[in-house]
Amino acid sequence: MAGAEKYLRPEVIRQVGRLDLQARFIVEGFLSGLHASPFQGFSVEFSEHRRYSPGDDVKGIDWSVYAKTERYYVKKFQAETNVTGYLCMDLSASMAYTHRQELTKFEYGICLAAALGYLMIHQQDPVGLITFDTAIRTSLPPKSKRSQLGAILSLLANAKPTGPTDVAGCLHQLAGMIKSKSLVMVFSDLLTDPEPVIRALHHHRHRGNEVILFHILDEAEVHFPFEGLTEFEDAEDAQQRMTVDALGMREDYLSALKEFREKLRSECNGCGVDFVAMDTSVSFDKALLEYLIQRQRRF
């Protein structure tokens, strides 16, 4: 547990606990919506509907609901009692960055993972941990016992974000490791070519996994508060440096970032992946609650 106390300190636990109270009906609806899956047979009981996702059997579409809503819904049956979750943390060097926030992107991701892990275990859903850079470094099998959260945080607290990353390759590898439909939660700044990542997300959806992609950027990366001549260093290659007129390039930078995130959001929406843009200046519990509320409204 060495180092995990940083993320188990009382104020963090209170934040997670408060999130649980504030969003109980939202979170329970979110997780229970993942519990039931389309299942053909007479031994299961019909439960409710959910939006059609790529890969679902078209035979399950309820056409009477489509006639009323002009949206595709499939019938859900109570067959599985639990959903298995995987918290997937990017260990690239760029995740260790912060300009003036208390938490680095990596630490912010740990707080998000702690909250989601806590909520899943509270619902008795098994959750595991995957850490990766150019390869998968840690694979903690999913469990639902309460000690699992401490084990997850202990591993994360002792992990060091260093070097380059291969998000797409590791997501493909994970898709091959997962044997049943699961909830895959990815925490990354995605400072990489988006096309291979998008293909890896399609791979998970094709295998029936639910995916939430948390795109975590530092407050400075989102708002670009720099002025005057500023030297920037590549987080994954210290030899790569550039001095620029920060104020002069701000507009172009912010426009490029907006285009990058809109492309990711559009591609994720197209394949049924939740894309969640995160800014480290927003407290993790508030950001997570806002996402869960938005998701509830969509469904």
Protein backbone atom coordinates (compact mmCIF):
# COMPACT_ATOMS: atom_id res chain seq x y z
CA MET A 1 0.00 0.00 0.00
CA ALA A 2 3.04 2.28 0.01
CA GLY A 3 2.16 5.48 -1.81
CA ALA A 4 -1.52 4.62 -2.15
CA GLU A 5 -2.35 6.78 0.87
CA LYS A 6 -1.98 9.81 -1.42
CA TYR A 7 -5.12 8.72 -3.24
CA LEU A 8 -6.89 7.27 -0.20
CA ARG A 9 -6.51 10.40 1.93
CA PRO A 10 -9.72 11.45 3.76
CA GLU A 11 -10.62 14.37 1.49
CA VAL A 12 -10.45 12.16 -1.61
CA ILE A 13 -12.56 9.47 0.03
CA ARG A 14 -15.10 12.14 1.02
CA GLN A 15 -15.22 13.39 -2.57
CA VAL A 16 -15.79 9.89 -3.91
CA GLY A 17 -18.37 9.18 -1.22
CA ARG A 18 -20.19 12.45 -1.92
CA LEU A 19 -20.22 11.62 -5.62
CA ASP A 20 -21.80 8.30 -4.75
CA LEU A 21 -24.56 10.05 -2.78
CA GLN A 22 -25.16 12.81 -5.30
CA ALA A 23 -25.25 10.52 -8.28
CA ARG A 24 -26.58 7.31 -6.77
CA PHE A 25 -29.59 7.09 -9.08
CA ILE A 26 -27.50 8.13 -12.09
CA VAL A 27 -24.65 5.74 -11.38
CA GLU A 28 -26.92 2.83 -10.54
CA GLY A 29 -28.83 3.44 -13.75
CA PHE A 30 -25.58 3.66 -15.71
CA LEU A 31 -24.14 0.43 -14.32
CA SER A 32 -27.37 -1.55 -14.22
CA GLY A 33 -27.91 -0.56 -17.85
CA LEU A 34 -24.72 -2.48 -18.59
CA HIS A 35 -25.72 -5.51 -16.53
CA ALA A 36 -28.44 -6.87 -18.77
CA SER A 37 -27.53 -7.96 -22.27
CA PRO A 38 -29.60 -9.17 -25.25
CA PHE A 39 -30.06 -12.89 -24.78
CA GLN A 40 -32.25 -15.28 -26.73
CA GLY A 41 -34.04 -18.02 -24.83
CA PHE A 42 -37.02 -18.82 -22.61
CA SER A 43 -35.09 -18.96 -19.34
CA VAL A 44 -34.61 -15.21 -19.09
CA GLU A 45 -37.02 -12.43 -18.20
CA PHE A 46 -37.60 -9.36 -20.38
CA SER A 47 -36.38 -6.23 -18.65
CA GLU A 48 -36.38 -3.02 -20.74
CA HIS A 49 -34.92 -1.36 -23.82
CA ARG A 50 -31.59 0.21 -24.69
CA ARG A 51 -30.28 2.04 -27.74
CA TYR A 52 -29.05 -0.13 -30.60
CA SER A 53 -25.24 -0.29 -30.87
CA PRO A 54 -23.10 -1.54 -33.79
CA GLY A 55 -22.64 -5.29 -33.39
CA ASP A 56 -26.06 -5.92 -31.79
CA ASP A 57 -28.25 -8.55 -33.41
CA VAL A 58 -30.77 -6.71 -35.60
CA LYS A 59 -33.31 -9.40 -34.70
CA GLY A 60 -33.48 -7.79 -31.26
CA ILE A 61 -34.72 -4.42 -32.59
CA ASP A 62 -38.17 -3.49 -31.26
CA TRP A 63 -39.92 -2.09 -34.33
CA SER A 64 -42.94 -0.88 -32.37
CA VAL A 65 -40.62 1.41 -30.39
CA TYR A 66 -38.99 2.57 -33.64
CA ALA A 67 -42.43 3.48 -35.03
CA LYS A 68 -42.97 5.79 -32.06
CA THR A 69 -39.49 7.29 -31.69
CA GLU A 70 -37.79 6.79 -35.08
CA ARG A 71 -34.81 5.48 -33.12
CA TYR A 72 -33.51 1.93 -32.95
CA TYR A 73 -33.85 0.17 -29.59
CA VAL A 74 -33.24 -3.45 -28.70
CA LYS A 75 -34.97 -5.44 -26.02
CA LYS A 76 -32.90 -6.21 -22.97
CA PHE A 77 -33.15 -9.43 -21.02
CA GLN A 78 -31.96 -10.12 -17.50
CA ALA A 79 -29.28 -12.75 -18.04
CA GLU A 80 -26.07 -11.46 -16.50
CA THR A 81 -25.91 -10.19 -12.94
CA ASN A 82 -22.62 -8.31 -13.17
CA VAL A 83 -20.60 -6.23 -15.58
CA THR A 84 -16.83 -6.60 -15.56
CA GLY A 85 -14.77 -3.41 -15.73
CA TYR A 86 -11.19 -2.69 -16.79
CA LEU A 87 -9.47 0.56 -15.75
CA CYS A 88 -6.82 1.19 -18.43
CA MET A 89 -4.15 3.77 -17.54
CA ASP A 90 -1.67 5.34 -19.98
CA LEU A 91 1.87 5.45 -18.53
CA SER A 92 3.41 7.72 -21.19
CA ALA A 93 5.79 10.44 -20.00
CA SER A 94 3.41 13.18 -21.14
CA MET A 95 0.89 12.01 -18.51
CA ALA A 96 3.32 13.28 -15.81
CA TYR A 97 2.85 16.89 -16.96
CA THR A 98 1.24 19.74 -15.04
CA HIS A 99 1.75 23.46 -15.55
CA ARG A 100 0.24 24.89 -12.37
CA GLN A 101 -2.38 22.41 -11.18
CA GLU A 102 -1.94 20.33 -8.03
CA LEU A 103 -2.45 17.08 -9.94
CA THR A 104 -0.60 15.86 -13.02
CA LYS A 105 -2.68 14.28 -15.77
CA PHE A 106 -1.65 10.88 -14.47
CA GLU A 107 -2.70 11.69 -10.89
CA TYR A 108 -5.98 13.13 -12.15
CA GLY A 109 -6.55 9.87 -14.03
CA ILE A 110 -5.88 7.91 -10.84
CA CYS A 111 -8.54 9.93 -8.99
CA LEU A 112 -11.03 9.21 -11.78
CA ALA A 113 -10.12 5.52 -11.73
CA ALA A 114 -10.51 5.45 -7.93
CA ALA A 115 -14.00 6.96 -8.18
CA LEU A 116 -15.14 4.57 -10.92
CA GLY A 117 -13.54 1.57 -9.22
CA TYR A 118 -15.23 2.52 -5.94
CA LEU A 119 -18.63 2.86 -7.64
CA MET A 120 -18.32 -0.48 -9.43
CA ILE A 121 -17.23 -2.35 -6.32
CA HIS A 122 -20.07 -0.66 -4.42
CA GLN A 123 -22.38 -2.34 -6.95
CA GLN A 124 -20.50 -5.64 -6.46
CA ASP A 125 -19.16 -5.48 -10.02
CA PRO A 126 -15.66 -6.89 -10.59
CA VAL A 127 -13.09 -4.38 -11.80
CA GLY A 128 -9.46 -4.83 -12.80
CA LEU A 129 -6.51 -2.68 -13.82
CA ILE A 130 -4.44 -2.42 -16.98
CA THR A 131 -1.44 -0.09 -17.21
CA PHE A 132 0.39 0.40 -20.49
CA ASP A 133 2.98 2.39 -22.41
CA THR A 134 4.50 0.67 -25.45
CA ALA A 135 3.19 -2.61 -24.01
CA ILE A 136 0.86 -3.72 -21.23
CA ARG A 137 2.85 -3.43 -17.98
CA THR A 138 0.29 -4.42 -15.35
CA SER A 139 -2.73 -6.70 -15.61
CA LEU A 140 -4.67 -7.03 -12.36
CA PRO A 141 -7.59 -9.47 -12.83
CA PRO A 142 -11.06 -8.06 -12.10
CA LYS A 143 -12.46 -8.69 -8.62
CA SER A 144 -15.41 -7.25 -6.72
CA LYS A 145 -14.15 -7.54 -3.14
CA ARG A 146 -13.56 -4.26 -1.29
CA SER A 147 -9.82 -4.82 -0.94
CA GLN A 148 -9.54 -4.62 -4.75
CA LEU A 149 -9.66 -0.80 -4.73
CA GLY A 150 -6.66 -0.65 -2.40
CA ALA A 151 -4.78 -3.09 -4.63
CA ILE A 152 -5.55 -0.99 -7.73
CA LEU A 153 -4.45 2.27 -6.08
CA SER A 154 -1.32 0.70 -4.66
CA LEU A 155 -0.23 -0.39 -8.14
CA LEU A 156 -1.04 3.01 -9.64
CA ALA A 157 0.71 4.93 -6.85
CA ASN A 158 3.90 3.02 -7.56
CA ALA A 159 3.66 3.32 -11.35
CA LYS A 160 5.85 5.88 -13.10
CA PRO A 161 4.71 7.52 -16.33
CA THR A 162 7.86 7.54 -18.47
CA GLY A 163 8.79 7.16 -22.12
CA PRO A 164 6.68 6.77 -25.27
CA THR A 165 3.37 4.96 -25.61
CA ASP A 166 1.44 2.80 -28.06
CA VAL A 167 -2.21 3.32 -27.12
CA ALA A 168 -3.61 1.54 -30.17
CA GLY A 169 -1.35 -1.51 -29.93
CA CYS A 170 -2.12 -2.01 -26.25
CA LEU A 171 -5.88 -1.62 -26.78
CA HIS A 172 -5.75 -4.28 -29.52
CA GLN A 173 -3.83 -6.55 -27.15
CA LEU A 174 -6.38 -5.97 -24.40
CA ALA A 175 -9.25 -6.77 -26.77
CA GLY A 176 -7.65 -10.17 -27.34
CA MET A 177 -7.24 -10.74 -23.59
CA ILE A 178 -10.86 -10.03 -22.61
CA LYS A 179 -12.96 -13.17 -22.94
CA SER A 180 -16.45 -11.76 -22.27
CA LYS A 181 -18.23 -8.47 -22.94
CA SER A 182 -16.84 -5.88 -20.53
CA LEU A 183 -16.70 -2.19 -19.71
CA VAL A 184 -13.33 -0.75 -20.79
CA MET A 185 -12.42 2.64 -19.29
CA VAL A 186 -9.36 4.28 -20.87
CA PHE A 187 -7.47 7.20 -19.26
CA SER A 188 -5.03 8.91 -21.64
CA ASP A 189 -3.99 12.28 -23.05
CA LEU A 190 -3.92 10.63 -26.51
CA LEU A 191 -0.88 12.57 -27.69
CA THR A 192 -0.51 10.22 -30.61
CA ASP A 193 -1.87 9.59 -34.10
CA PRO A 194 -5.64 9.21 -33.59
CA GLU A 195 -6.33 6.91 -36.57
CA PRO A 196 -4.80 3.70 -35.09
CA VAL A 197 -6.52 4.45 -31.76
CA ILE A 198 -9.88 4.76 -33.51
CA ARG A 199 -9.32 1.39 -35.22
CA ALA A 200 -8.54 -0.17 -31.83
CA LEU A 201 -11.76 1.26 -30.39
CA HIS A 202 -13.69 -0.30 -33.29
CA HIS A 203 -11.99 -3.61 -32.41
CA HIS A 204 -13.41 -3.44 -28.86
CA ARG A 205 -16.88 -2.50 -30.05
CA HIS A 206 -16.82 -5.35 -32.58
CA ARG A 207 -16.14 -7.71 -29.68
CA GLY A 208 -19.11 -6.27 -27.79
CA ASN A 209 -17.23 -4.23 -25.19
CA GLU A 210 -18.61 -0.97 -23.85
CA VAL A 211 -15.86 1.69 -23.99
CA ILE A 212 -15.45 5.03 -22.21
CA LEU A 213 -12.48 7.10 -23.41
CA PHE A 214 -11.41 9.75 -20.89
CA HIS A 215 -9.27 12.28 -22.77
CA ILE A 216 -7.30 13.97 -20.00
CA LEU A 217 -5.46 17.20 -20.77
CA ASP A 218 -3.78 19.64 -18.43
CA GLU A 219 -5.47 22.99 -17.93
CA ALA A 220 -2.57 24.67 -19.77
CA GLU A 221 -2.98 22.33 -22.75
CA VAL A 222 -6.67 23.22 -22.97
CA HIS A 223 -6.45 26.99 -22.47
CA PHE A 224 -2.84 27.78 -23.49
CA PRO A 225 -2.16 30.58 -20.96
CA PHE A 226 1.42 31.23 -22.14
CA GLU A 227 2.66 34.63 -23.31
CA GLY A 228 5.81 35.96 -24.95
CA LEU A 229 8.69 33.81 -26.15
CA THR A 230 8.21 30.39 -24.56
CA GLU A 231 10.31 27.25 -24.86
CA PHE A 232 8.40 23.98 -25.17
CA GLU A 233 9.95 20.54 -24.67
CA ASP A 234 8.62 17.24 -25.96
CA ALA A 235 7.61 15.27 -22.87
CA GLU A 236 8.72 11.98 -24.46
CA ASP A 237 11.91 13.29 -26.09
CA ALA A 238 13.81 15.98 -24.16
CA GLN A 239 15.99 16.63 -27.21
CA GLN A 240 13.00 18.02 -29.07
CA ARG A 241 12.63 21.68 -28.05
CA MET A 242 11.04 24.70 -29.69
CA THR A 243 10.89 28.38 -28.78
CA VAL A 244 7.81 30.20 -30.09
CA ASP A 245 5.83 33.40 -29.71
CA ALA A 246 3.10 31.91 -27.50
CA LEU A 247 0.62 34.74 -27.88
CA GLY A 248 1.05 34.74 -31.64
CA MET A 249 0.35 31.02 -32.00
CA ARG A 250 -2.43 30.71 -29.41
CA GLU A 251 -5.28 31.02 -31.88
CA ASP A 252 -3.83 28.41 -34.24
CA TYR A 253 -3.08 26.07 -31.33
CA LEU A 254 -6.58 26.30 -29.85
CA SER A 255 -8.12 25.80 -33.29
CA ALA A 256 -5.99 22.68 -33.90
CA LEU A 257 -6.91 21.28 -30.46
CA LYS A 258 -10.62 21.86 -31.10
CA GLU A 259 -10.37 20.10 -34.46
CA PHE A 260 -8.47 17.19 -32.89
CA ARG A 261 -11.03 16.68 -30.13
CA GLU A 262 -14.00 17.08 -32.47
CA LYS A 263 -12.57 14.41 -34.75
CA LEU A 264 -12.12 12.04 -31.82
CA ARG A 265 -15.62 12.78 -30.52
CA SER A 266 -17.18 12.26 -33.95
CA GLU A 267 -15.36 8.97 -34.57
CA CYS A 268 -16.22 7.70 -31.09
CA ASN A 269 -19.88 8.64 -31.46
CA GLY A 270 -19.91 6.82 -34.77
CA CYS A 271 -18.89 3.50 -33.23
CA GLY A 272 -20.76 3.80 -29.92
CA VAL A 273 -17.80 4.80 -27.72
CA ASP A 274 -18.23 7.46 -25.04
CA PHE A 275 -15.66 10.24 -25.53
CA VAL A 276 -15.19 12.34 -22.39
CA ALA A 277 -12.99 15.45 -22.61
CA MET A 278 -11.33 16.20 -19.25
CA ASP A 279 -9.54 19.35 -18.01
CA THR A 280 -7.40 19.02 -14.86
CA SER A 281 -8.59 22.41 -13.57
CA VAL A 282 -12.06 20.88 -13.02
CA SER A 283 -12.29 18.72 -9.88
CA PHE A 284 -12.52 15.06 -10.86
CA ASP A 285 -15.75 14.40 -8.93
CA LYS A 286 -17.53 17.33 -10.62
CA ALA A 287 -16.27 16.28 -14.06
CA LEU A 288 -17.35 12.66 -13.54
CA LEU A 289 -20.80 13.64 -12.25
CA GLU A 290 -21.32 15.94 -15.25
CA TYR A 291 -20.44 13.09 -17.61
CA LEU A 292 -22.82 10.65 -15.90
CA ILE A 293 -25.67 13.18 -16.02
CA GLN A 294 -25.07 13.83 -19.72
CA ARG A 295 -25.03 10.11 -20.43
CA GLN A 296 -28.31 9.62 -18.59
CA ARG A 297 -29.93 12.37 -20.68
CA ARG A 298 -28.80 10.69 -23.91
CA PHE A 299 -30.41 7.42 -22.94
